[in-house]
């Protein structure tokens, strides 16, 4: 599972670590650990001068689904990124209206202008926002790396399916520890 290398221009994409979503129960990783690992990776990427992209979601795709539209009244701060991410002026903020972080946003254009060839993805939920973002990144030609201990889901089986069956076909899987060692030059 260890990643062989990071491209010289690799960006971190942190998906949906926002107040309204992180308040929900998750499995297999507690959301507090996912937030802490994602924040640690963000600090390491910033220290190396590499792009950090922080994504939040404010809506949903307009098509009909069997489960119906997301209901209920959302708190005013529902879409705010969690403070542990320590948003910096250099971070690129993306607000999306669907699961994936690319469709309908400026993310691909931003990454291409920066010369990014690889993305490391963390966040929640593994089978929705993270997987959709990874699929699009793969289809757009980016090298994709998934920090599997820095993501979680509401459903353990869905998380496991993404990690074991889908992610190996979209890119490489690794851990936060391995990425941090690579960023610090100790691996």
N, C-alpha and C. Protein backbone atom coordinates (compact mmCIF):
# COMPACT_ATOMS: atom_id res chain seq x y z
N UNK A 1 0.78 -1.21 0.00
CA UNK A 1 0.00 0.00 0.00
C UNK A 1 0.83 1.28 0.00
N UNK A 2 2.05 1.34 0.51
CA UNK A 2 2.77 2.61 0.53
C UNK A 2 2.95 3.20 -0.86
N UNK A 3 2.74 4.47 -0.97
CA UNK A 3 2.90 5.21 -2.20
C UNK A 3 4.38 5.25 -2.57
N UNK A 4 4.68 5.10 -3.86
CA UNK A 4 6.07 5.11 -4.26
C UNK A 4 6.67 6.52 -4.29
N UNK A 5 5.87 7.52 -4.66
CA UNK A 5 6.38 8.88 -4.68
C UNK A 5 5.23 9.87 -4.84
N UNK A 6 5.52 11.11 -4.49
CA UNK A 6 4.61 12.21 -4.76
C UNK A 6 5.17 13.00 -5.93
N UNK A 7 4.30 13.41 -6.85
CA UNK A 7 4.74 14.26 -7.96
C UNK A 7 5.21 15.60 -7.39
N UNK A 8 6.10 16.28 -8.10
CA UNK A 8 6.58 17.58 -7.61
C UNK A 8 5.46 18.59 -7.36
N UNK A 9 4.40 18.54 -8.17
CA UNK A 9 3.26 19.44 -7.96
C UNK A 9 2.02 18.61 -7.63
N UNK A 10 1.89 18.32 -6.35
CA UNK A 10 0.76 17.56 -5.82
C UNK A 10 -0.09 18.48 -4.96
N UNK A 11 -1.40 18.37 -5.11
CA UNK A 11 -2.32 19.18 -4.31
C UNK A 11 -3.09 18.28 -3.36
N UNK A 12 -3.44 18.82 -2.21
CA UNK A 12 -4.30 18.15 -1.25
C UNK A 12 -5.72 18.66 -1.47
N UNK A 13 -6.68 17.73 -1.56
CA UNK A 13 -8.10 18.08 -1.65
C UNK A 13 -8.79 17.50 -0.43
N UNK A 14 -9.35 18.35 0.40
CA UNK A 14 -10.07 17.95 1.61
C UNK A 14 -11.56 18.15 1.34
N UNK A 15 -12.32 17.05 1.38
CA UNK A 15 -13.72 17.06 0.95
C UNK A 15 -14.69 17.10 2.14
N UNK A 16 -15.51 18.12 2.18
CA UNK A 16 -16.71 18.21 3.03
C UNK A 16 -16.47 18.12 4.54
N UNK A 17 -15.32 18.55 5.01
CA UNK A 17 -15.12 18.60 6.46
C UNK A 17 -15.68 19.93 6.95
N UNK A 18 -16.99 19.94 7.05
CA UNK A 18 -17.75 21.13 7.42
C UNK A 18 -18.63 20.81 8.61
N UNK A 19 -19.04 21.85 9.29
CA UNK A 19 -19.74 21.69 10.57
C UNK A 19 -20.97 20.79 10.49
N UNK A 20 -21.82 20.97 9.50
CA UNK A 20 -23.05 20.20 9.42
C UNK A 20 -22.85 18.72 9.14
N UNK A 21 -21.81 18.39 8.39
CA UNK A 21 -21.55 16.99 8.04
C UNK A 21 -20.73 16.31 9.11
N UNK A 22 -19.77 16.99 9.69
CA UNK A 22 -18.93 16.37 10.72
C UNK A 22 -19.67 16.14 12.03
N UNK A 23 -20.87 16.67 12.14
CA UNK A 23 -21.69 16.44 13.34
C UNK A 23 -22.38 15.08 13.30
N UNK A 24 -22.35 14.42 12.16
CA UNK A 24 -23.02 13.12 12.00
C UNK A 24 -22.10 11.98 12.43
N UNK A 25 -22.67 10.87 12.90
CA UNK A 25 -21.84 9.72 13.28
C UNK A 25 -21.16 9.10 12.06
N UNK A 26 -19.93 8.61 12.24
CA UNK A 26 -19.18 8.01 11.14
C UNK A 26 -18.54 6.70 11.57
N UNK A 27 -18.18 5.92 10.55
CA UNK A 27 -17.50 4.65 10.76
C UNK A 27 -16.68 4.35 9.51
N UNK A 28 -15.58 3.71 9.51
CA UNK A 28 -14.92 3.07 10.64
C UNK A 28 -14.07 4.02 11.46
N UNK A 29 -13.73 5.20 10.91
CA UNK A 29 -12.88 6.14 11.64
C UNK A 29 -13.74 7.22 12.29
N UNK A 30 -13.48 7.55 13.54
CA UNK A 30 -14.18 8.68 14.15
C UNK A 30 -13.87 9.96 13.38
N UNK A 31 -14.86 10.81 13.23
CA UNK A 31 -14.67 12.03 12.44
C UNK A 31 -13.57 12.91 13.03
N UNK A 32 -13.40 12.88 14.34
CA UNK A 32 -12.35 13.70 14.96
C UNK A 32 -10.97 13.29 14.46
N UNK A 33 -10.75 12.00 14.24
CA UNK A 33 -9.46 11.53 13.71
C UNK A 33 -9.28 11.94 12.25
N UNK A 34 -10.34 11.87 11.47
CA UNK A 34 -10.28 12.26 10.06
C UNK A 34 -9.97 13.75 9.95
N UNK A 35 -10.63 14.56 10.78
CA UNK A 35 -10.36 16.01 10.78
C UNK A 35 -8.91 16.27 11.19
N UNK A 36 -8.46 15.61 12.25
CA UNK A 36 -7.09 15.83 12.74
C UNK A 36 -6.06 15.43 11.68
N UNK A 37 -6.25 14.29 11.03
CA UNK A 37 -5.30 13.84 10.00
C UNK A 37 -5.32 14.76 8.79
N UNK A 38 -6.52 15.18 8.38
CA UNK A 38 -6.62 16.09 7.23
C UNK A 38 -5.96 17.43 7.55
N UNK A 39 -6.16 17.93 8.76
CA UNK A 39 -5.54 19.19 9.17
C UNK A 39 -4.02 19.06 9.21
N UNK A 40 -3.53 17.91 9.67
CA UNK A 40 -2.08 17.68 9.72
C UNK A 40 -1.50 17.65 8.30
N UNK A 41 -2.21 17.00 7.40
CA UNK A 41 -1.76 16.97 6.00
C UNK A 41 -1.79 18.38 5.40
N UNK A 42 -2.84 19.14 5.70
CA UNK A 42 -2.93 20.50 5.17
C UNK A 42 -1.74 21.35 5.63
N UNK A 43 -1.38 21.23 6.91
CA UNK A 43 -0.23 21.98 7.43
C UNK A 43 1.06 21.56 6.70
N UNK A 44 1.23 20.26 6.47
CA UNK A 44 2.43 19.76 5.80
C UNK A 44 2.48 20.21 4.34
N UNK A 45 1.35 20.19 3.64
CA UNK A 45 1.31 20.66 2.26
C UNK A 45 1.64 22.14 2.20
N UNK A 46 1.04 22.93 3.10
CA UNK A 46 1.33 24.37 3.11
C UNK A 46 2.81 24.63 3.37
N UNK A 47 3.39 23.89 4.31
CA UNK A 47 4.81 24.07 4.66
C UNK A 47 5.70 23.83 3.44
N UNK A 48 5.31 22.88 2.58
CA UNK A 48 6.07 22.58 1.36
C UNK A 48 5.72 23.51 0.20
N UNK A 49 4.76 24.42 0.42
CA UNK A 49 4.34 25.32 -0.64
C UNK A 49 3.45 24.67 -1.68
N UNK A 50 2.83 23.56 -1.31
CA UNK A 50 1.95 22.84 -2.23
C UNK A 50 0.50 23.28 -2.03
N UNK A 51 -0.31 23.23 -3.09
CA UNK A 51 -1.69 23.69 -3.00
C UNK A 51 -2.55 22.86 -2.04
N UNK A 52 -3.39 23.57 -1.30
CA UNK A 52 -4.39 22.96 -0.42
C UNK A 52 -5.75 23.44 -0.90
N UNK A 53 -6.63 22.49 -1.20
CA UNK A 53 -7.99 22.79 -1.66
C UNK A 53 -8.95 22.30 -0.58
N UNK A 54 -9.79 23.20 -0.09
CA UNK A 54 -10.78 22.87 0.92
C UNK A 54 -12.16 22.98 0.29
N UNK A 55 -12.90 21.88 0.32
CA UNK A 55 -14.18 21.79 -0.37
C UNK A 55 -15.31 21.70 0.65
N UNK A 56 -16.38 22.45 0.39
CA UNK A 56 -17.60 22.26 1.16
C UNK A 56 -18.75 22.09 0.18
N UNK A 57 -19.88 21.61 0.69
CA UNK A 57 -21.06 21.40 -0.13
C UNK A 57 -22.19 22.23 0.45
N UNK A 58 -22.95 22.86 -0.45
CA UNK A 58 -24.07 23.69 0.00
C UNK A 58 -25.40 23.23 -0.56
N UNK A 59 -25.43 22.19 -1.33
CA UNK A 59 -26.70 21.77 -1.92
C UNK A 59 -26.64 20.34 -2.38
N UNK A 60 -27.43 20.04 -3.36
CA UNK A 60 -27.47 18.70 -3.93
C UNK A 60 -27.82 18.77 -5.40
N UNK A 61 -27.45 17.76 -6.14
CA UNK A 61 -27.78 17.71 -7.56
C UNK A 61 -29.31 17.72 -7.70
N UNK A 62 -29.82 18.33 -8.77
CA UNK A 62 -31.27 18.53 -8.87
C UNK A 62 -32.08 17.31 -9.31
N UNK A 63 -31.46 16.25 -9.77
CA UNK A 63 -32.22 15.11 -10.27
C UNK A 63 -32.99 14.37 -9.19
N UNK A 64 -34.05 13.66 -9.61
CA UNK A 64 -34.86 12.86 -8.68
C UNK A 64 -34.09 11.63 -8.23
N UNK A 65 -34.32 11.21 -7.00
CA UNK A 65 -33.75 9.98 -6.48
C UNK A 65 -34.83 9.23 -5.70
N UNK A 66 -34.63 7.93 -5.52
CA UNK A 66 -35.57 7.14 -4.74
C UNK A 66 -35.63 7.59 -3.29
N UNK A 67 -34.53 8.08 -2.77
CA UNK A 67 -34.51 8.50 -1.37
C UNK A 67 -35.08 9.90 -1.19
N UNK A 68 -35.35 10.59 -2.29
CA UNK A 68 -35.93 11.92 -2.21
C UNK A 68 -34.91 12.98 -1.88
N UNK A 69 -35.35 14.24 -1.86
CA UNK A 69 -34.41 15.33 -1.56
C UNK A 69 -33.99 15.32 -0.10
N UNK A 70 -32.80 15.89 0.14
CA UNK A 70 -32.36 16.03 1.53
C UNK A 70 -33.30 17.00 2.21
N UNK A 71 -33.84 16.59 3.34
CA UNK A 71 -34.84 17.42 3.99
C UNK A 71 -34.31 18.10 5.23
N UNK A 72 -35.19 18.83 5.85
CA UNK A 72 -34.86 19.47 7.11
C UNK A 72 -34.25 20.84 6.94
N UNK A 73 -34.27 21.55 8.03
CA UNK A 73 -33.69 22.89 8.06
C UNK A 73 -32.25 22.76 8.54
N UNK A 74 -31.35 23.37 7.81
CA UNK A 74 -29.93 23.32 8.16
C UNK A 74 -29.57 24.52 9.02
N UNK A 75 -28.65 24.28 9.94
CA UNK A 75 -28.14 25.37 10.78
C UNK A 75 -27.44 26.40 9.89
N UNK A 76 -27.39 27.63 10.33
CA UNK A 76 -26.76 28.71 9.57
C UNK A 76 -25.31 28.37 9.23
N UNK A 77 -24.60 27.70 10.14
CA UNK A 77 -23.19 27.39 9.92
C UNK A 77 -22.96 25.99 9.35
N UNK A 78 -23.99 25.34 8.84
CA UNK A 78 -23.93 23.96 8.35
C UNK A 78 -22.78 23.76 7.34
N UNK A 79 -22.59 24.71 6.43
CA UNK A 79 -21.60 24.55 5.36
C UNK A 79 -20.23 25.12 5.71
N UNK A 80 -20.05 25.68 6.90
CA UNK A 80 -18.75 26.25 7.28
C UNK A 80 -17.73 25.15 7.52
N UNK A 81 -16.53 25.34 7.00
CA UNK A 81 -15.45 24.40 7.23
C UNK A 81 -15.13 24.36 8.72
N UNK A 82 -14.71 23.19 9.21
CA UNK A 82 -14.39 23.07 10.63
C UNK A 82 -13.13 23.89 10.94
N UNK A 83 -13.09 24.52 12.11
CA UNK A 83 -11.95 25.40 12.42
C UNK A 83 -10.62 24.68 12.50
N UNK A 84 -10.61 23.39 12.78
CA UNK A 84 -9.36 22.63 12.88
C UNK A 84 -8.56 22.65 11.58
N UNK A 85 -9.23 22.92 10.45
CA UNK A 85 -8.52 22.98 9.17
C UNK A 85 -7.67 24.25 9.04
N UNK A 86 -7.88 25.21 9.92
CA UNK A 86 -7.07 26.43 9.95
C UNK A 86 -6.93 27.04 8.56
N UNK A 87 -8.06 27.40 7.97
CA UNK A 87 -8.08 27.95 6.61
C UNK A 87 -7.08 29.11 6.51
N UNK A 88 -6.27 29.06 5.46
CA UNK A 88 -5.24 30.07 5.21
C UNK A 88 -5.58 30.83 3.93
N UNK A 89 -5.08 32.06 3.80
CA UNK A 89 -5.34 32.83 2.57
C UNK A 89 -4.85 32.12 1.31
N UNK A 90 -3.83 31.29 1.42
CA UNK A 90 -3.31 30.58 0.25
C UNK A 90 -4.17 29.39 -0.17
N UNK A 91 -5.08 28.95 0.68
CA UNK A 91 -5.93 27.80 0.36
C UNK A 91 -6.93 28.18 -0.74
N UNK A 92 -7.23 27.21 -1.58
CA UNK A 92 -8.25 27.40 -2.61
C UNK A 92 -9.54 26.81 -2.07
N UNK A 93 -10.58 27.63 -1.97
CA UNK A 93 -11.86 27.18 -1.44
C UNK A 93 -12.81 26.86 -2.59
N UNK A 94 -13.45 25.69 -2.49
CA UNK A 94 -14.39 25.25 -3.51
C UNK A 94 -15.72 24.95 -2.83
N UNK A 95 -16.78 25.54 -3.34
CA UNK A 95 -18.14 25.21 -2.87
C UNK A 95 -18.83 24.48 -4.00
N UNK A 96 -19.34 23.31 -3.70
CA UNK A 96 -19.98 22.48 -4.71
C UNK A 96 -21.46 22.29 -4.38
N UNK A 97 -22.20 21.83 -5.36
CA UNK A 97 -23.63 21.60 -5.20
C UNK A 97 -24.00 20.14 -5.39
N UNK A 98 -23.00 19.27 -5.50
CA UNK A 98 -23.23 17.85 -5.72
C UNK A 98 -22.13 17.07 -5.00
N UNK A 99 -22.06 15.77 -5.19
CA UNK A 99 -21.09 14.96 -4.47
C UNK A 99 -19.66 15.28 -4.83
N UNK A 100 -19.35 15.30 -6.13
CA UNK A 100 -17.97 15.48 -6.58
C UNK A 100 -17.52 16.93 -6.53
N UNK A 101 -16.22 17.12 -6.40
CA UNK A 101 -15.64 18.46 -6.24
C UNK A 101 -15.28 19.13 -7.55
N UNK A 102 -15.38 18.43 -8.67
CA UNK A 102 -14.97 19.00 -9.96
C UNK A 102 -16.14 19.57 -10.76
N UNK A 103 -17.21 18.83 -10.91
CA UNK A 103 -18.33 19.23 -11.76
C UNK A 103 -18.95 20.54 -11.26
N UNK A 104 -19.03 21.52 -12.17
CA UNK A 104 -19.66 22.79 -11.84
C UNK A 104 -18.83 23.72 -10.96
N UNK A 105 -17.54 23.40 -10.79
CA UNK A 105 -16.66 24.25 -9.99
C UNK A 105 -15.43 24.64 -10.81
N UNK A 106 -14.59 25.47 -10.24
CA UNK A 106 -13.36 25.90 -10.92
C UNK A 106 -12.16 25.04 -10.55
N UNK A 107 -12.37 23.91 -9.89
CA UNK A 107 -11.26 23.12 -9.36
C UNK A 107 -10.28 22.65 -10.43
N UNK A 108 -10.77 22.07 -11.51
CA UNK A 108 -9.86 21.58 -12.56
C UNK A 108 -9.04 22.73 -13.14
N UNK A 109 -9.67 23.84 -13.42
CA UNK A 109 -8.96 25.00 -13.96
C UNK A 109 -7.89 25.49 -12.98
N UNK A 110 -8.23 25.57 -11.71
CA UNK A 110 -7.26 26.00 -10.68
C UNK A 110 -6.05 25.07 -10.65
N UNK A 111 -6.29 23.75 -10.61
CA UNK A 111 -5.19 22.79 -10.54
C UNK A 111 -4.32 22.85 -11.79
N UNK A 112 -4.93 22.95 -12.94
CA UNK A 112 -4.16 22.98 -14.19
C UNK A 112 -3.30 24.25 -14.27
N UNK A 113 -3.84 25.37 -13.84
CA UNK A 113 -3.07 26.61 -13.85
C UNK A 113 -1.88 26.54 -12.90
N UNK A 114 -2.00 25.76 -11.84
CA UNK A 114 -0.90 25.57 -10.89
C UNK A 114 0.10 24.53 -11.39
N UNK A 115 -0.25 23.77 -12.43
CA UNK A 115 0.62 22.72 -12.94
C UNK A 115 0.53 21.43 -12.15
N UNK A 116 -0.53 21.25 -11.40
CA UNK A 116 -0.71 20.06 -10.56
C UNK A 116 -0.91 18.83 -11.43
N UNK A 117 -0.21 17.75 -11.10
CA UNK A 117 -0.36 16.48 -11.81
C UNK A 117 -0.90 15.37 -10.91
N UNK A 118 -0.90 15.60 -9.61
CA UNK A 118 -1.34 14.58 -8.66
C UNK A 118 -2.19 15.24 -7.58
N UNK A 119 -3.20 14.51 -7.11
CA UNK A 119 -4.02 14.98 -6.00
C UNK A 119 -4.06 13.92 -4.91
N UNK A 120 -4.00 14.39 -3.67
CA UNK A 120 -4.20 13.54 -2.50
C UNK A 120 -5.55 13.94 -1.95
N UNK A 121 -6.42 12.96 -1.72
CA UNK A 121 -7.79 13.26 -1.31
C UNK A 121 -8.07 12.68 0.07
N UNK A 122 -8.72 13.51 0.91
CA UNK A 122 -9.19 13.11 2.23
C UNK A 122 -10.62 13.61 2.39
N UNK A 123 -11.30 13.20 3.47
CA UNK A 123 -12.59 13.79 3.77
C UNK A 123 -13.69 12.79 4.06
N UNK A 124 -14.90 13.25 3.80
CA UNK A 124 -16.10 12.51 4.14
C UNK A 124 -17.17 12.82 3.09
N UNK A 125 -18.00 11.97 2.77
CA UNK A 125 -18.07 10.56 3.06
C UNK A 125 -17.30 9.79 2.00
N UNK A 126 -16.66 8.73 2.44
CA UNK A 126 -15.82 7.94 1.55
C UNK A 126 -16.53 7.57 0.26
N UNK A 127 -17.76 7.04 0.36
CA UNK A 127 -18.45 6.53 -0.83
C UNK A 127 -19.19 7.61 -1.62
N UNK A 128 -19.26 8.83 -1.10
CA UNK A 128 -19.95 9.89 -1.82
C UNK A 128 -18.96 10.97 -2.30
N UNK A 129 -18.67 11.94 -1.46
CA UNK A 129 -17.83 13.06 -1.86
C UNK A 129 -16.42 12.67 -2.24
N UNK A 130 -15.80 11.79 -1.42
CA UNK A 130 -14.42 11.39 -1.69
C UNK A 130 -14.34 10.56 -2.97
N UNK A 131 -15.18 9.54 -3.08
CA UNK A 131 -15.13 8.68 -4.26
C UNK A 131 -15.49 9.44 -5.53
N UNK A 132 -16.50 10.30 -5.47
CA UNK A 132 -16.89 11.07 -6.66
C UNK A 132 -15.76 12.00 -7.09
N UNK A 133 -15.09 12.61 -6.14
CA UNK A 133 -13.96 13.49 -6.45
C UNK A 133 -12.81 12.68 -7.05
N UNK A 134 -12.53 11.52 -6.48
CA UNK A 134 -11.46 10.65 -7.00
C UNK A 134 -11.77 10.17 -8.41
N UNK A 135 -13.01 9.79 -8.66
CA UNK A 135 -13.40 9.34 -10.00
C UNK A 135 -13.15 10.45 -11.03
N UNK A 136 -13.61 11.64 -10.72
CA UNK A 136 -13.45 12.75 -11.66
C UNK A 136 -11.97 13.09 -11.86
N UNK A 137 -11.21 13.12 -10.78
CA UNK A 137 -9.77 13.41 -10.90
C UNK A 137 -9.09 12.38 -11.80
N UNK A 138 -9.41 11.12 -11.60
CA UNK A 138 -8.85 10.04 -12.43
C UNK A 138 -9.23 10.25 -13.90
N UNK A 139 -10.50 10.53 -14.14
CA UNK A 139 -10.98 10.71 -15.51
C UNK A 139 -10.35 11.94 -16.17
N UNK A 140 -10.00 12.93 -15.38
CA UNK A 140 -9.36 14.14 -15.91
C UNK A 140 -7.85 13.99 -16.09
N UNK A 141 -7.31 12.83 -15.71
CA UNK A 141 -5.91 12.55 -15.96
C UNK A 141 -4.95 12.84 -14.82
N UNK A 142 -5.46 13.15 -13.64
CA UNK A 142 -4.58 13.37 -12.49
C UNK A 142 -4.17 12.04 -11.89
N UNK A 143 -2.96 11.98 -11.35
CA UNK A 143 -2.58 10.85 -10.51
C UNK A 143 -3.32 11.03 -9.19
N UNK A 144 -4.00 10.00 -8.73
CA UNK A 144 -4.86 10.10 -7.56
C UNK A 144 -4.29 9.27 -6.42
N UNK A 145 -4.20 9.88 -5.26
CA UNK A 145 -3.78 9.19 -4.04
C UNK A 145 -4.83 9.41 -2.99
N UNK A 146 -5.22 8.35 -2.31
CA UNK A 146 -6.27 8.42 -1.31
C UNK A 146 -5.71 8.04 0.05
N UNK A 147 -5.78 8.98 0.98
CA UNK A 147 -5.31 8.75 2.36
C UNK A 147 -6.45 8.07 3.12
N UNK A 148 -6.43 6.74 3.13
CA UNK A 148 -7.61 6.00 3.60
C UNK A 148 -7.87 6.09 5.09
N UNK A 149 -6.90 6.54 5.88
CA UNK A 149 -7.16 6.74 7.30
C UNK A 149 -7.59 8.18 7.59
N UNK A 150 -7.68 9.00 6.54
CA UNK A 150 -8.13 10.38 6.68
C UNK A 150 -9.46 10.56 5.95
N UNK A 151 -10.25 9.50 5.93
CA UNK A 151 -11.60 9.54 5.36
C UNK A 151 -12.48 8.57 6.13
N UNK A 152 -13.75 8.80 6.09
CA UNK A 152 -14.70 7.94 6.78
C UNK A 152 -16.07 8.08 6.14
N UNK A 153 -17.03 7.33 6.65
CA UNK A 153 -18.35 7.25 6.03
C UNK A 153 -19.40 7.08 7.12
N UNK A 154 -20.62 7.06 6.73
CA UNK A 154 -21.70 6.74 7.67
C UNK A 154 -21.99 5.24 7.66
N UNK A 155 -21.43 4.52 6.68
CA UNK A 155 -21.70 3.11 6.49
C UNK A 155 -20.37 2.38 6.32
N UNK A 156 -20.04 1.48 7.24
CA UNK A 156 -18.75 0.78 7.21
C UNK A 156 -18.58 -0.05 5.94
N UNK A 157 -19.65 -0.72 5.49
CA UNK A 157 -19.55 -1.55 4.29
C UNK A 157 -19.30 -0.69 3.05
N UNK A 158 -19.94 0.46 2.98
CA UNK A 158 -19.73 1.35 1.84
C UNK A 158 -18.29 1.87 1.83
N UNK A 159 -17.78 2.25 3.00
CA UNK A 159 -16.39 2.69 3.11
C UNK A 159 -15.45 1.59 2.64
N UNK A 160 -15.65 0.39 3.15
CA UNK A 160 -14.79 -0.74 2.81
C UNK A 160 -14.84 -1.03 1.31
N UNK A 161 -16.02 -0.99 0.72
CA UNK A 161 -16.15 -1.24 -0.72
C UNK A 161 -15.35 -0.22 -1.52
N UNK A 162 -15.48 1.06 -1.17
CA UNK A 162 -14.72 2.09 -1.88
C UNK A 162 -13.22 1.84 -1.76
N UNK A 163 -12.75 1.60 -0.53
CA UNK A 163 -11.32 1.45 -0.26
C UNK A 163 -10.76 0.20 -0.95
N UNK A 164 -11.48 -0.90 -0.87
CA UNK A 164 -10.95 -2.17 -1.39
C UNK A 164 -11.22 -2.42 -2.86
N UNK A 165 -12.36 -1.97 -3.36
CA UNK A 165 -12.75 -2.32 -4.73
C UNK A 165 -12.61 -1.17 -5.73
N UNK A 166 -12.91 0.04 -5.31
CA UNK A 166 -12.93 1.17 -6.25
C UNK A 166 -11.60 1.91 -6.29
N UNK A 167 -11.09 2.30 -5.13
CA UNK A 167 -9.89 3.14 -5.09
C UNK A 167 -8.68 2.53 -5.79
N UNK A 168 -8.41 1.23 -5.66
CA UNK A 168 -7.24 0.68 -6.37
C UNK A 168 -7.35 0.82 -7.90
N UNK A 169 -8.55 1.01 -8.40
CA UNK A 169 -8.74 1.18 -9.84
C UNK A 169 -8.65 2.66 -10.26
N UNK A 170 -8.69 3.55 -9.26
CA UNK A 170 -8.64 4.99 -9.55
C UNK A 170 -7.28 5.60 -9.25
N UNK A 171 -6.49 4.92 -8.45
CA UNK A 171 -5.20 5.49 -8.07
C UNK A 171 -4.50 4.62 -7.05
N UNK A 172 -3.84 5.28 -6.10
CA UNK A 172 -3.07 4.59 -5.07
C UNK A 172 -3.65 4.93 -3.70
N UNK A 173 -3.62 3.95 -2.81
CA UNK A 173 -4.07 4.19 -1.44
C UNK A 173 -2.86 4.18 -0.52
N UNK A 174 -2.93 5.00 0.53
CA UNK A 174 -1.85 5.09 1.48
C UNK A 174 -2.41 5.62 2.79
N UNK A 175 -1.51 5.93 3.71
CA UNK A 175 -1.92 6.45 5.01
C UNK A 175 -1.36 7.86 5.21
N UNK A 176 -1.91 8.53 6.18
CA UNK A 176 -1.43 9.87 6.53
C UNK A 176 0.04 9.81 6.94
N UNK A 177 0.41 8.82 7.72
CA UNK A 177 1.80 8.70 8.19
C UNK A 177 2.77 8.61 7.02
N UNK A 178 2.46 7.79 6.03
CA UNK A 178 3.34 7.64 4.87
C UNK A 178 3.44 8.96 4.11
N UNK A 179 2.31 9.63 3.92
CA UNK A 179 2.32 10.92 3.21
C UNK A 179 3.15 11.96 3.96
N UNK A 180 2.99 12.03 5.28
CA UNK A 180 3.74 12.99 6.08
C UNK A 180 5.24 12.72 5.98
N UNK A 181 5.63 11.45 5.99
CA UNK A 181 7.04 11.10 5.86
C UNK A 181 7.57 11.51 4.47
N UNK A 182 6.77 11.30 3.44
CA UNK A 182 7.19 11.69 2.10
C UNK A 182 7.33 13.21 2.00
N UNK A 183 6.38 13.93 2.58
CA UNK A 183 6.43 15.40 2.53
C UNK A 183 7.61 15.96 3.30
N UNK A 184 8.00 15.27 4.36
CA UNK A 184 9.13 15.75 5.16
C UNK A 184 10.47 15.23 4.65
N UNK A 185 10.42 14.34 3.64
CA UNK A 185 11.65 13.79 3.06
C UNK A 185 12.28 12.69 3.88
N UNK A 186 11.51 12.08 4.80
CA UNK A 186 12.08 11.02 5.63
C UNK A 186 11.70 9.63 5.12
N UNK A 187 11.08 9.55 3.96
CA UNK A 187 10.75 8.24 3.40
C UNK A 187 11.37 8.10 2.03
